[in-house]
Amino acid sequence: DQTVRSFTIGMSDPKYNEAEAASAIASHLGTEHTELYITEDDAKKVIP
C-alpha cells in the first residue's frame, strides 16, 4: 500500500552495467528508485 523503494548499483563499463535497464524497470513499476554508480577504484577499496 506504499511505494516500494528499490536500489541498484551501476558500473561505468557497459558490459557489466545493469543500472540503465534497472532504472527502466523501476520507472515501469513505479518504485522510488535509488542508484549508485561505482568505479574500479571503489571496487578495489573493498578488497582489503
PDB file of all heavy atoms in Angstrom:
ATOM      1  N   ASP A   1       0.829  -1.206   0.000  1.00  0.00           N
ATOM      2  CA  ASP A   1       0.000   0.000   0.000  1.00  0.00           C
ATOM      3  C   ASP A   1       0.862   1.253   0.000  1.00  0.00           C
ATOM      4  O   ASP A   1       0.353   2.370   0.098  1.00  0.00           O
ATOM      5  CB  ASP A   1      -0.952   0.006   1.204  1.00  0.00           C
ATOM      6  CG  ASP A   1      -0.210  -0.134   2.535  1.00  0.00           C
ATOM      7  OD1 ASP A   1       1.036  -0.201   2.517  1.00  0.00           O
ATOM      8  OD2 ASP A   1      -0.878  -0.186   3.592  1.00  0.00           O
ATOM      9  N   GLN A   2       2.195   1.046  -0.101  1.00  0.00           N
ATOM     10  CA  GLN A   2       3.124   2.170  -0.183  1.00  0.00           C
ATOM     11  C   GLN A   2       4.055   1.969  -1.373  1.00  0.00           C
ATOM     12  O   GLN A   2       4.190   0.864  -1.898  1.00  0.00           O
ATOM     13  CB  GLN A   2       3.947   2.277   1.099  1.00  0.00           C
ATOM     14  CG  GLN A   2       3.121   2.506   2.360  1.00  0.00           C
ATOM     15  CD  GLN A   2       3.988   2.583   3.599  1.00  0.00           C
ATOM     16  OE1 GLN A   2       5.220   2.531   3.524  1.00  0.00           O
ATOM     17  NE2 GLN A   2       3.361   2.695   4.752  1.00  0.00           N
ATOM     18  N   THR A   3       4.686   3.039  -1.794  1.00  0.00           N
ATOM     19  CA  THR A   3       5.648   2.937  -2.891  1.00  0.00           C
ATOM     20  C   THR A   3       6.885   2.192  -2.418  1.00  0.00           C
ATOM     21  O   THR A   3       7.486   2.540  -1.400  1.00  0.00           O
ATOM     22  CB  THR A   3       6.057   4.337  -3.391  1.00  0.00           C
ATOM     23  OG1 THR A   3       4.894   5.038  -3.820  1.00  0.00           O
ATOM     24  CG2 THR A   3       7.041   4.223  -4.541  1.00  0.00           C
ATOM     25  N   VAL A   4       7.248   1.156  -3.144  1.00  0.00           N
ATOM     26  CA  VAL A   4       8.413   0.345  -2.782  1.00  0.00           C
ATOM     27  C   VAL A   4       9.695   1.087  -3.122  1.00  0.00           C
ATOM     28  O   VAL A   4       9.789   1.762  -4.159  1.00  0.00           O
ATOM     29  CB  VAL A   4       8.375  -1.014  -3.540  1.00  0.00           C
ATOM     30  CG1 VAL A   4       9.689  -1.769  -3.358  1.00  0.00           C
ATOM     31  CG2 VAL A   4       7.201  -1.853  -3.045  1.00  0.00           C
ATOM     32  N   ARG A   5      10.688   0.965  -2.268  1.00  0.00           N
ATOM     33  CA  ARG A   5      11.993   1.564  -2.523  1.00  0.00           C
ATOM     34  C   ARG A   5      12.910   0.510  -3.136  1.00  0.00           C
ATOM     35  O   ARG A   5      13.054  -0.588  -2.600  1.00  0.00           O
ATOM     36  CB  ARG A   5      12.601   2.111  -1.235  1.00  0.00           C
ATOM     37  CG  ARG A   5      11.726   3.152  -0.546  1.00  0.00           C
ATOM     38  CD  ARG A   5      12.539   4.052   0.340  1.00  0.00           C
ATOM     39  NE  ARG A   5      13.541   4.796  -0.419  1.00  0.00           N
ATOM     40  CZ  ARG A   5      14.325   5.761   0.087  1.00  0.00           C
ATOM     41  NH1 ARG A   5      14.201   6.088   1.361  1.00  0.00           N
ATOM     42  NH2 ARG A   5      15.205   6.372  -0.643  1.00  0.00           N
ATOM     43  N   SER A   6      13.519   0.844  -4.272  1.00  0.00           N
ATOM     44  CA  SER A   6      14.405  -0.089  -4.957  1.00  0.00           C
ATOM     45  C   SER A   6      15.799   0.526  -5.095  1.00  0.00           C
ATOM     46  O   SER A   6      15.945   1.750  -5.178  1.00  0.00           O
ATOM     47  CB  SER A   6      13.857  -0.465  -6.337  1.00  0.00           C
ATOM     48  OG  SER A   6      13.625   0.690  -7.134  1.00  0.00           O
ATOM     49  N   PHE A   7      16.828  -0.363  -5.155  1.00  0.00           N
ATOM     50  CA  PHE A   7      18.216   0.097  -5.128  1.00  0.00           C
ATOM     51  C   PHE A   7      19.053  -0.687  -6.131  1.00  0.00           C
ATOM     52  O   PHE A   7      18.940  -1.915  -6.238  1.00  0.00           O
ATOM     53  CB  PHE A   7      18.789  -0.072  -3.717  1.00  0.00           C
ATOM     54  CG  PHE A   7      18.013   0.654  -2.664  1.00  0.00           C
ATOM     55  CD1 PHE A   7      16.948   0.041  -2.017  1.00  0.00           C
ATOM     56  CD2 PHE A   7      18.324   1.963  -2.332  1.00  0.00           C
ATOM     57  CE1 PHE A   7      16.218   0.704  -1.051  1.00  0.00           C
ATOM     58  CE2 PHE A   7      17.598   2.641  -1.358  1.00  0.00           C
ATOM     59  CZ  PHE A   7      16.535   2.012  -0.721  1.00  0.00           C
ATOM     60  N   THR A   8      19.914   0.030  -6.842  1.00  0.00           N
ATOM     61  CA  THR A   8      20.734  -0.569  -7.894  1.00  0.00           C
ATOM     62  C   THR A   8      22.138   0.001  -7.869  1.00  0.00           C
ATOM     63  O   THR A   8      22.327   1.190  -7.604  1.00  0.00           O
ATOM     64  CB  THR A   8      20.117  -0.307  -9.282  1.00  0.00           C
ATOM     65  OG1 THR A   8      18.844  -0.924  -9.369  1.00  0.00           O
ATOM     66  CG2 THR A   8      21.004  -0.855 -10.391  1.00  0.00           C
ATOM     67  N   ILE A   9      23.107  -0.860  -8.168  1.00  0.00           N
ATOM     68  CA  ILE A   9      24.486  -0.428  -8.374  1.00  0.00           C
ATOM     69  C   ILE A   9      24.763  -0.365  -9.882  1.00  0.00           C
ATOM     70  O   ILE A   9      24.456  -1.311 -10.620  1.00  0.00           O
ATOM     71  CB  ILE A   9      25.478  -1.411  -7.718  1.00  0.00           C
ATOM     72  CG1 ILE A   9      25.505  -1.212  -6.204  1.00  0.00           C
ATOM     73  CG2 ILE A   9      26.890  -1.254  -8.272  1.00  0.00           C
ATOM     74  CD1 ILE A   9      26.179   0.079  -5.768  1.00  0.00           C
ATOM     75  N   GLY A  10      25.347   0.747 -10.324  1.00  0.00           N
ATOM     76  CA  GLY A  10      25.727   0.895 -11.721  1.00  0.00           C
ATOM     77  C   GLY A  10      27.232   0.888 -11.881  1.00  0.00           C
ATOM     78  O   GLY A  10      27.970   1.219 -10.944  1.00  0.00           O
ATOM     79  N   MET A  11      27.705   0.480 -13.050  1.00  0.00           N
ATOM     80  CA  MET A  11      29.137   0.427 -13.326  1.00  0.00           C
ATOM     81  C   MET A  11      29.439   1.167 -14.623  1.00  0.00           C
ATOM     82  O   MET A  11      28.624   1.161 -15.562  1.00  0.00           O
ATOM     83  CB  MET A  11      29.605  -1.023 -13.421  1.00  0.00           C
ATOM     84  CG  MET A  11      29.360  -1.812 -12.146  1.00  0.00           C
ATOM     85  SD  MET A  11      30.014  -3.487 -12.216  1.00  0.00           S
ATOM     86  CE  MET A  11      29.479  -4.110 -10.612  1.00  0.00           C
ATOM     87  N   SER A  12      30.630   1.758 -14.665  1.00  0.00           N
ATOM     88  CA  SER A  12      30.996   2.555 -15.828  1.00  0.00           C
ATOM     89  C   SER A  12      31.218   1.701 -17.071  1.00  0.00           C
ATOM     90  O   SER A  12      31.013   2.157 -18.198  1.00  0.00           O
ATOM     91  CB  SER A  12      32.271   3.362 -15.531  1.00  0.00           C
ATOM     92  OG  SER A  12      33.318   2.498 -15.099  1.00  0.00           O
ATOM     93  N   ASP A  13      31.623   0.450 -16.895  1.00  0.00           N
ATOM     94  CA  ASP A  13      31.827  -0.459 -18.016  1.00  0.00           C
ATOM     95  C   ASP A  13      30.472  -0.967 -18.499  1.00  0.00           C
ATOM     96  O   ASP A  13      29.766  -1.654 -17.761  1.00  0.00           O
ATOM     97  CB  ASP A  13      32.704  -1.637 -17.595  1.00  0.00           C
ATOM     98  CG  ASP A  13      33.137  -2.497 -18.775  1.00  0.00           C
ATOM     99  OD1 ASP A  13      32.425  -2.508 -19.787  1.00  0.00           O
ATOM    100  OD2 ASP A  13      34.192  -3.157 -18.662  1.00  0.00           O
ATOM    101  N   PRO A  14      30.075  -0.673 -19.735  1.00  0.00           N
ATOM    102  CA  PRO A  14      28.746  -1.072 -20.221  1.00  0.00           C
ATOM    103  C   PRO A  14      28.543  -2.586 -20.249  1.00  0.00           C
ATOM    104  O   PRO A  14      27.399  -3.048 -20.220  1.00  0.00           O
ATOM    105  CB  PRO A  14      28.685  -0.479 -21.633  1.00  0.00           C
ATOM    106  CG  PRO A  14      30.105  -0.226 -22.023  1.00  0.00           C
ATOM    107  CD  PRO A  14      30.827   0.094 -20.747  1.00  0.00           C
ATOM    108  N   LYS A  15      29.617  -3.365 -20.298  1.00  0.00           N
ATOM    109  CA  LYS A  15      29.483  -4.830 -20.305  1.00  0.00           C
ATOM    110  C   LYS A  15      28.908  -5.352 -19.003  1.00  0.00           C
ATOM    111  O   LYS A  15      28.304  -6.430 -18.972  1.00  0.00           O
ATOM    112  CB  LYS A  15      30.853  -5.486 -20.560  1.00  0.00           C
ATOM    113  CG  LYS A  15      31.409  -5.272 -21.953  1.00  0.00           C
ATOM    114  CD  LYS A  15      32.674  -6.090 -22.163  1.00  0.00           C
ATOM    115  CE  LYS A  15      33.781  -5.656 -21.215  1.00  0.00           C
ATOM    116  NZ  LYS A  15      35.041  -6.396 -21.475  1.00  0.00           N
ATOM    117  N   TYR A  16      29.111  -4.619 -17.915  1.00  0.00           N
ATOM    118  CA  TYR A  16      28.662  -5.076 -16.606  1.00  0.00           C
ATOM    119  C   TYR A  16      27.592  -4.177 -15.999  1.00  0.00           C
ATOM    120  O   TYR A  16      27.167  -4.409 -14.871  1.00  0.00           O
ATOM    121  CB  TYR A  16      29.852  -5.161 -15.643  1.00  0.00           C
ATOM    122  CG  TYR A  16      30.975  -6.025 -16.157  1.00  0.00           C
ATOM    123  CD1 TYR A  16      32.147  -5.462 -16.664  1.00  0.00           C
ATOM    124  CD2 TYR A  16      30.862  -7.406 -16.133  1.00  0.00           C
ATOM    125  CE1 TYR A  16      33.182  -6.262 -17.133  1.00  0.00           C
ATOM    126  CE2 TYR A  16      31.889  -8.213 -16.608  1.00  0.00           C
ATOM    127  CZ  TYR A  16      33.045  -7.628 -17.105  1.00  0.00           C
ATOM    128  OH  TYR A  16      34.055  -8.426 -17.578  1.00  0.00           O
ATOM    129  N   ASN A  17      27.166  -3.177 -16.744  1.00  0.00           N
ATOM    130  CA  ASN A  17      26.237  -2.200 -16.179  1.00  0.00           C
ATOM    131  C   ASN A  17      24.786  -2.617 -16.422  1.00  0.00           C
ATOM    132  O   ASN A  17      24.350  -2.738 -17.567  1.00  0.00           O
ATOM    133  CB  ASN A  17      26.488  -0.829 -16.804  1.00  0.00           C
ATOM    134  CG  ASN A  17      25.610   0.237 -16.178  1.00  0.00           C
ATOM    135  OD1 ASN A  17      25.312   0.173 -14.979  1.00  0.00           O
ATOM    136  ND2 ASN A  17      25.192   1.205 -16.977  1.00  0.00           N
ATOM    137  N   GLU A  18      24.039  -2.820 -15.336  1.00  0.00           N
ATOM    138  CA  GLU A  18      22.623  -3.147 -15.427  1.00  0.00           C
ATOM    139  C   GLU A  18      21.750  -1.995 -14.932  1.00  0.00           C
ATOM    140  O   GLU A  18      20.531  -2.121 -14.881  1.00  0.00           O
ATOM    141  CB  GLU A  18      22.314  -4.411 -14.612  1.00  0.00           C
ATOM    142  CG  GLU A  18      23.040  -5.658 -15.086  1.00  0.00           C
ATOM    143  CD  GLU A  18      22.610  -6.897 -14.306  1.00  0.00           C
ATOM    144  OE1 GLU A  18      21.511  -6.891 -13.722  1.00  0.00           O
ATOM    145  OE2 GLU A  18      23.376  -7.864 -14.276  1.00  0.00           O
ATOM    146  N   ALA A  19      22.399  -0.877 -14.590  1.00  0.00           N
ATOM    147  CA  ALA A  19      21.664   0.212 -13.952  1.00  0.00           C
ATOM    148  C   ALA A  19      20.627   0.842 -14.871  1.00  0.00           C
ATOM    149  O   ALA A  19      19.523   1.199 -14.440  1.00  0.00           O
ATOM    150  CB  ALA A  19      22.631   1.276 -13.447  1.00  0.00           C
ATOM    151  N   GLU A  20      20.967   0.987 -16.142  1.00  0.00           N
ATOM    152  CA  GLU A  20      20.023   1.625 -17.062  1.00  0.00           C
ATOM    153  C   GLU A  20      18.763   0.784 -17.224  1.00  0.00           C
ATOM    154  O   GLU A  20      17.639   1.304 -17.199  1.00  0.00           O
ATOM    155  CB  GLU A  20      20.697   1.860 -18.415  1.00  0.00           C
ATOM    156  CG  GLU A  20      21.796   2.909 -18.372  1.00  0.00           C
ATOM    157  CD  GLU A  20      22.388   3.170 -19.750  1.00  0.00           C
ATOM    158  OE1 GLU A  20      21.865   2.591 -20.727  1.00  0.00           O
ATOM    159  OE2 GLU A  20      23.362   3.940 -19.844  1.00  0.00           O
ATOM    160  N   ALA A  21      18.950  -0.526 -17.394  1.00  0.00           N
ATOM    161  CA  ALA A  21      17.791  -1.414 -17.518  1.00  0.00           C
ATOM    162  C   ALA A  21      16.994  -1.450 -16.215  1.00  0.00           C
ATOM    163  O   ALA A  21      15.753  -1.449 -16.235  1.00  0.00           O
ATOM    164  CB  ALA A  21      18.253  -2.818 -17.904  1.00  0.00           C
ATOM    165  N   ALA A  22      17.703  -1.473 -15.092  1.00  0.00           N
ATOM    166  CA  ALA A  22      17.020  -1.488 -13.804  1.00  0.00           C
ATOM    167  C   ALA A  22      16.214  -0.209 -13.594  1.00  0.00           C
ATOM    168  O   ALA A  22      15.103  -0.238 -13.047  1.00  0.00           O
ATOM    169  CB  ALA A  22      18.035  -1.653 -12.676  1.00  0.00           C
ATOM    170  N   SER A  23      16.767   0.919 -14.035  1.00  0.00           N
ATOM    171  CA  SER A  23      16.061   2.192 -13.916  1.00  0.00           C
ATOM    172  C   SER A  23      14.781   2.188 -14.735  1.00  0.00           C
ATOM    173  O   SER A  23      13.738   2.701 -14.293  1.00  0.00           O
ATOM    174  CB  SER A  23      16.973   3.335 -14.360  1.00  0.00           C
ATOM    175  OG  SER A  23      16.318   4.575 -14.288  1.00  0.00           O
ATOM    176  N   ALA A  24      14.848   1.588 -15.920  1.00  0.00           N
ATOM    177  CA  ALA A  24      13.664   1.495 -16.774  1.00  0.00           C
ATOM    178  C   ALA A  24      12.601   0.607 -16.120  1.00  0.00           C
ATOM    179  O   ALA A  24      11.399   0.908 -16.170  1.00  0.00           O
ATOM    180  CB  ALA A  24      14.052   0.951 -18.146  1.00  0.00           C
ATOM    181  N   ILE A  25      13.044  -0.498 -15.501  1.00  0.00           N
ATOM    182  CA  ILE A  25      12.111  -1.392 -14.808  1.00  0.00           C
ATOM    183  C   ILE A  25      11.475  -0.671 -13.624  1.00  0.00           C
ATOM    184  O   ILE A  25      10.261  -0.769 -13.398  1.00  0.00           O
ATOM    185  CB  ILE A  25      12.848  -2.670 -14.335  1.00  0.00           C
ATOM    186  CG1 ILE A  25      13.305  -3.482 -15.543  1.00  0.00           C
ATOM    187  CG2 ILE A  25      11.957  -3.512 -13.431  1.00  0.00           C
ATOM    188  CD1 ILE A  25      14.266  -4.606 -15.194  1.00  0.00           C
ATOM    189  N   ALA A  26      12.298   0.057 -12.873  1.00  0.00           N
ATOM    190  CA  ALA A  26      11.783   0.805 -11.721  1.00  0.00           C
ATOM    191  C   ALA A  26      10.758   1.849 -12.159  1.00  0.00           C
ATOM    192  O   ALA A  26       9.724   2.046 -11.502  1.00  0.00           O
ATOM    193  CB  ALA A  26      12.932   1.473 -10.978  1.00  0.00           C
ATOM    194  N   SER A  27      11.035   2.513 -13.282  1.00  0.00           N
ATOM    195  CA  SER A  27      10.100   3.519 -13.802  1.00  0.00           C
ATOM    196  C   SER A  27       8.779   2.866 -14.212  1.00  0.00           C
ATOM    197  O   SER A  27       7.697   3.409 -13.940  1.00  0.00           O
ATOM    198  CB  SER A  27      10.736   4.231 -15.004  1.00  0.00           C
ATOM    199  OG  SER A  27       9.836   5.161 -15.564  1.00  0.00           O
ATOM    200  N   HIS A  28       8.870   1.708 -14.836  1.00  0.00           N
ATOM    201  CA  HIS A  28       7.662   0.996 -15.262  1.00  0.00           C
ATOM    202  C   HIS A  28       6.834   0.544 -14.057  1.00  0.00           C
ATOM    203  O   HIS A  28       5.591   0.638 -14.076  1.00  0.00           O
ATOM    204  CB  HIS A  28       8.052  -0.224 -16.104  1.00  0.00           C
ATOM    205  CG  HIS A  28       6.904  -1.102 -16.478  1.00  0.00           C
ATOM    206  ND1 HIS A  28       5.978  -0.744 -17.446  1.00  0.00           N
ATOM    207  CD2 HIS A  28       6.503  -2.317 -15.990  1.00  0.00           C
ATOM    208  CE1 HIS A  28       5.065  -1.699 -17.552  1.00  0.00           C
ATOM    209  NE2 HIS A  28       5.361  -2.662 -16.687  1.00  0.00           N
ATOM    210  N   LEU A  29       7.514   0.075 -13.004  1.00  0.00           N
ATOM    211  CA  LEU A  29       6.811  -0.415 -11.820  1.00  0.00           C
ATOM    212  C   LEU A  29       6.367   0.704 -10.890  1.00  0.00           C
ATOM    213  O   LEU A  29       5.488   0.500 -10.054  1.00  0.00           O
ATOM    214  CB  LEU A  29       7.707  -1.390 -11.040  1.00  0.00           C
ATOM    215  CG  LEU A  29       8.095  -2.684 -11.759  1.00  0.00           C
ATOM    216  CD1 LEU A  29       9.068  -3.495 -10.905  1.00  0.00           C
ATOM    217  CD2 LEU A  29       6.856  -3.515 -12.086  1.00  0.00           C
ATOM    218  N   GLY A  30       6.993   1.862 -11.026  1.00  0.00           N
ATOM    219  CA  GLY A  30       6.619   2.994 -10.186  1.00  0.00           C
ATOM    220  C   GLY A  30       7.263   2.983  -8.814  1.00  0.00           C
ATOM    221  O   GLY A  30       6.692   3.506  -7.851  1.00  0.00           O
ATOM    222  N   THR A  31       8.471   2.405  -8.683  1.00  0.00           N
ATOM    223  CA  THR A  31       9.146   2.377  -7.393  1.00  0.00           C
ATOM    224  C   THR A  31       9.890   3.686  -7.150  1.00  0.00           C
ATOM    225  O   THR A  31      10.157   4.457  -8.071  1.00  0.00           O
ATOM    226  CB  THR A  31      10.157   1.224  -7.322  1.00  0.00           C
ATOM    227  OG1 THR A  31      11.247   1.477  -8.231  1.00  0.00           O
ATOM    228  CG2 THR A  31       9.514  -0.099  -7.676  1.00  0.00           C
ATOM    229  N   GLU A  32      10.228   3.930  -5.903  1.00  0.00           N
ATOM    230  CA  GLU A  32      11.105   5.044  -5.551  1.00  0.00           C
ATOM    231  C   GLU A  32      12.531   4.528  -5.670  1.00  0.00           C
ATOM    232  O   GLU A  32      13.018   3.808  -4.790  1.00  0.00           O
ATOM    233  CB  GLU A  32      10.814   5.532  -4.131  1.00  0.00           C
ATOM    234  CG  GLU A  32      11.661   6.730  -3.711  1.00  0.00           C
ATOM    235  CD  GLU A  32      11.371   7.175  -2.298  1.00  0.00           C
ATOM    236  OE1 GLU A  32      10.302   6.809  -1.764  1.00  0.00           O
ATOM    237  OE2 GLU A  32      12.238   7.875  -1.725  1.00  0.00           O
ATOM    238  N   HIS A  33      13.193   4.877  -6.758  1.00  0.00           N
ATOM    239  CA  HIS A  33      14.436   4.198  -7.138  1.00  0.00           C
ATOM    240  C   HIS A  33      15.669   5.022  -6.782  1.00  0.00           C
ATOM    241  O   HIS A  33      15.700   6.244  -6.964  1.00  0.00           O
ATOM    242  CB  HIS A  33      14.423   3.929  -8.646  1.00  0.00           C
ATOM    243  CG  HIS A  33      15.515   3.019  -9.102  1.00  0.00           C
ATOM    244  ND1 HIS A  33      15.661   1.735  -8.628  1.00  0.00           N
ATOM    245  CD2 HIS A  33      16.523   3.197  -9.995  1.00  0.00           C
ATOM    246  CE1 HIS A  33      16.699   1.160  -9.220  1.00  0.00           C
ATOM    247  NE2 HIS A  33      17.246   2.033 -10.042  1.00  0.00           N
ATOM    248  N   THR A  34      16.680   4.312  -6.257  1.00  0.00           N
ATOM    249  CA  THR A  34      17.969   4.923  -5.944  1.00  0.00           C
ATOM    250  C   THR A  34      19.073   4.115  -6.597  1.00  0.00           C
ATOM    251  O   THR A  34      19.070   2.885  -6.519  1.00  0.00           O
ATOM    252  CB  THR A  34      18.217   4.954  -4.419  1.00  0.00           C
ATOM    253  OG1 THR A  34      17.151   5.659  -3.785  1.00  0.00           O
ATOM    254  CG2 THR A  34      19.545   5.632  -4.098  1.00  0.00           C
ATOM    255  N   GLU A  35      19.998   4.788  -7.258  1.00  0.00           N
ATOM    256  CA  GLU A  35      21.114   4.076  -7.883  1.00  0.00           C
ATOM    257  C   GLU A  35      22.433   4.763  -7.545  1.00  0.00           C
ATOM    258  O   GLU A  35      22.482   5.966  -7.274  1.00  0.00           O
ATOM    259  CB  GLU A  35      20.936   3.983  -9.398  1.00  0.00           C
ATOM    260  CG  GLU A  35      20.903   5.312 -10.122  1.00  0.00           C
ATOM    261  CD  GLU A  35      20.680   5.156 -11.620  1.00  0.00           C
ATOM    262  OE1 GLU A  35      20.054   4.164 -12.043  1.00  0.00           O
ATOM    263  OE2 GLU A  35      21.127   6.045 -12.380  1.00  0.00           O
ATOM    264  N   LEU A  36      23.478   3.958  -7.539  1.00  0.00           N
ATOM    265  CA  LEU A  36      24.818   4.457  -7.238  1.00  0.00           C
ATOM    266  C   LEU A  36      25.793   3.872  -8.243  1.00  0.00           C
ATOM    267  O   LEU A  36      25.901   2.650  -8.382  1.00  0.00           O
ATOM    268  CB  LEU A  36      25.247   4.046  -5.824  1.00  0.00           C
ATOM    269  CG  LEU A  36      26.696   4.356  -5.440  1.00  0.00           C
ATOM    270  CD1 LEU A  36      26.906   5.864  -5.328  1.00  0.00           C
ATOM    271  CD2 LEU A  36      27.072   3.671  -4.130  1.00  0.00           C
ATOM    272  N   TYR A  37      26.473   4.747  -8.972  1.00  0.00           N
ATOM    273  CA  TYR A  37      27.477   4.281  -9.922  1.00  0.00           C
ATOM    274  C   TYR A  37      28.824   4.167  -9.216  1.00  0.00           C
ATOM    275  O   TYR A  37      29.237   5.073  -8.496  1.00  0.00           O
ATOM    276  CB  TYR A  37      27.584   5.245 -11.111  1.00  0.00           C
ATOM    277  CG  TYR A  37      26.618   4.909 -12.218  1.00  0.00           C
ATOM    278  CD1 TYR A  37      25.282   5.292 -12.140  1.00  0.00           C
ATOM    279  CD2 TYR A  37      27.031   4.176 -13.333  1.00  0.00           C
ATOM    280  CE1 TYR A  37      24.380   4.969 -13.142  1.00  0.00           C
ATOM    281  CE2 TYR A  37      26.144   3.853 -14.344  1.00  0.00           C
ATOM    282  CZ  TYR A  37      24.824   4.257 -14.243  1.00  0.00           C
ATOM    283  OH  TYR A  37      23.942   3.925 -15.233  1.00  0.00           O
ATOM    284  N   ILE A  38      29.486   3.037  -9.414  1.00  0.00           N
ATOM    285  CA  ILE A  38      30.778   2.802  -8.781  1.00  0.00           C
ATOM    286  C   ILE A  38      31.866   2.705  -9.844  1.00  0.00           C
ATOM    287  O   ILE A  38      31.609   2.348 -10.997  1.00  0.00           O
ATOM    288  CB  ILE A  38      30.770   1.525  -7.930  1.00  0.00           C
ATOM    289  CG1 ILE A  38      30.464   0.287  -8.797  1.00  0.00           C
ATOM    290  CG2 ILE A  38      29.768   1.633  -6.803  1.00  0.00           C
ATOM    291  CD1 ILE A  38      30.603  -1.030  -8.066  1.00  0.00           C
ATOM    292  N   THR A  39      33.077   2.999  -9.415  1.00  0.00           N
ATOM    293  CA  THR A  39      34.226   2.931 -10.311  1.00  0.00           C
ATOM    294  C   THR A  39      35.093   1.723  -9.961  1.00  0.00           C
ATOM    295  O   THR A  39      34.855   1.035  -8.954  1.00  0.00           O
ATOM    296  CB  THR A  39      35.077   4.202 -10.182  1.00  0.00           C
ATOM    297  OG1 THR A  39      35.635   4.252  -8.850  1.00  0.00           O
ATOM    298  CG2 THR A  39      34.241   5.451 -10.436  1.00  0.00           C
ATOM    299  N   GLU A  40      36.097   1.490 -10.756  1.00  0.00           N
ATOM    300  CA  GLU A  40      37.042   0.403 -10.476  1.00  0.00           C
ATOM    301  C   GLU A  40      37.742   0.640  -9.145  1.00  0.00           C
ATOM    302  O   GLU A  40      37.978  -0.303  -8.378  1.00  0.00           O
ATOM    303  CB  GLU A  40      38.076   0.302 -11.599  1.00  0.00           C
ATOM    304  CG  GLU A  40      39.062  -0.843 -11.430  1.00  0.00           C
ATOM    305  CD  GLU A  40      40.027  -0.942 -12.601  1.00  0.00           C
ATOM    306  OE1 GLU A  40      39.678  -0.475 -13.700  1.00  0.00           O
ATOM    307  OE2 GLU A  40      41.135  -1.483 -12.403  1.00  0.00           O
ATOM    308  N   ASP A  41      38.062   1.890  -8.851  1.00  0.00           N
ATOM    309  CA  ASP A  41      38.706   2.208  -7.571  1.00  0.00           C
ATOM    310  C   ASP A  41      37.773   1.913  -6.391  1.00  0.00           C
ATOM    311  O   ASP A  41      38.241   1.454  -5.339  1.00  0.00           O
ATOM    312  CB  ASP A  41      39.124   3.685  -7.543  1.00  0.00           C
ATOM    313  CG  ASP A  41      40.332   3.957  -8.419  1.00  0.00           C
ATOM    314  OD1 ASP A  41      41.058   2.991  -8.746  1.00  0.00           O
ATOM    315  OD2 ASP A  41      40.550   5.129  -8.790  1.00  0.00           O
ATOM    316  N   ASP A  42      36.484   2.188  -6.557  1.00  0.00           N
ATOM    317  CA  ASP A  42      35.518   1.877  -5.491  1.00  0.00           C
ATOM    318  C   ASP A  42      35.548   0.389  -5.171  1.00  0.00           C
ATOM    319  O   ASP A  42      35.506  -0.013  -4.001  1.00  0.00           O
ATOM    320  CB  ASP A  42      34.108   2.275  -5.912  1.00  0.00           C
ATOM    321  CG  ASP A  42      33.943   3.781  -6.038  1.00  0.00           C
ATOM    322  OD1 ASP A  42      34.598   4.512  -5.269  1.00  0.00           O
ATOM    323  OD2 ASP A  42      33.168   4.214  -6.903  1.00  0.00           O
ATOM    324  N   ALA A  43      35.591  -0.424  -6.225  1.00  0.00           N
ATOM    325  CA  ALA A  43      35.610  -1.874  -6.036  1.00  0.00           C
ATOM    326  C   ALA A  43      36.905  -2.325  -5.371  1.00  0.00           C
ATOM    327  O   ALA A  43      36.896  -3.172  -4.468  1.00  0.00           O
ATOM    328  CB  ALA A  43      35.435  -2.576  -7.376  1.00  0.00           C
ATOM    329  N   LYS A  44      38.023  -1.772  -5.778  1.00  0.00           N
ATOM    330  CA  LYS A  44      39.315  -2.164  -5.218  1.00  0.00           C
ATOM    331  C   LYS A  44      39.421  -1.830  -3.733  1.00  0.00           C
ATOM    332  O   LYS A  44      40.070  -2.553  -2.969  1.00  0.00           O
ATOM    333  CB  LYS A  44      40.449  -1.477  -5.992  1.00  0.00           C
ATOM    334  CG  LYS A  44      40.672  -2.035  -7.392  1.00  0.00           C
ATOM    335  CD  LYS A  44      41.813  -1.303  -8.094  1.00  0.00           C
ATOM    336  CE  LYS A  44      42.082  -1.889  -9.472  1.00  0.00           C
ATOM    337  NZ  LYS A  44      43.154  -1.163 -10.194  1.00  0.00           N
ATOM    338  N   LYS A  45      38.780  -0.746  -3.325  1.00  0.00           N
ATOM    339  CA  LYS A  45      38.847  -0.355  -1.913  1.00  0.00           C
ATOM    340  C   LYS A  45      38.171  -1.358  -0.995  1.00  0.00           C
ATOM    341  O   LYS A  45      38.458  -1.409   0.208  1.00  0.00           O
ATOM    342  CB  LYS A  45      38.216   1.026  -1.741  1.00  0.00           C
ATOM    343  CG  LYS A  45      39.040   2.165  -2.333  1.00  0.00           C
ATOM    344  CD  LYS A  45      38.313   3.495  -2.179  1.00  0.00           C
ATOM    345  CE  LYS A  45      39.118   4.626  -2.815  1.00  0.00           C
ATOM    346  NZ  LYS A  45      38.401   5.926  -2.732  1.00  0.00           N
ATOM    347  N   VAL A  46      37.268  -2.155  -1.546  1.00  0.00           N
ATOM    348  CA  VAL A  46      36.546  -3.139  -0.737  1.00  0.00           C
ATOM    349  C   VAL A  46      37.405  -4.372  -0.451  1.00  0.00           C
ATOM    350  O   VAL A  46      37.236  -5.045   0.564  1.00  0.00           O
ATOM    351  CB  VAL A  46      35.239  -3.564  -1.446  1.00  0.00           C
ATOM    352  CG1 VAL A  46      34.504  -4.651  -0.659  1.00  0.00           C
ATOM    353  CG2 VAL A  46      34.335  -2.353  -1.656  1.00  0.00           C
ATOM    354  N   ILE A  47      38.336  -4.666  -1.344  1.00  0.00           N
ATOM    355  CA  ILE A  47      39.096  -5.918  -1.288  1.00  0.00           C
ATOM    356  C   ILE A  47      39.757  -6.172   0.069  1.00  0.00           C
ATOM    357  O   ILE A  47      39.664  -7.285   0.602  1.00  0.00           O
ATOM    358  CB  ILE A  47      40.133  -5.979  -2.426  1.00  0.00           C
ATOM    359  CG1 ILE A  47      39.396  -6.045  -3.777  1.00  0.00           C
ATOM    360  CG2 ILE A  47      41.057  -7.181  -2.267  1.00  0.00           C
ATOM    361  CD1 ILE A  47      40.305  -5.985  -4.984  1.00  0.00           C
ATOM    362  N   PRO A  48      40.422  -5.193   0.682  1.00  0.00           N
ATOM    363  CA  PRO A  48      41.049  -5.470   1.989  1.00  0.00           C
ATOM    364  C   PRO A  48      40.065  -5.891   3.079  1.00  0.00           C
ATOM    365  O   PRO A  48      40.460  -6.542   4.054  1.00  0.00           O
ATOM    366  CB  PRO A  48      41.720  -4.133   2.342  1.00  0.00           C
ATOM    367  CG  PRO A  48      41.937  -3.452   1.030  1.00  0.00           C
ATOM    368  CD  PRO A  48      40.759  -3.829   0.204  1.00  0.00           C
TER     369      PRO A  48
END
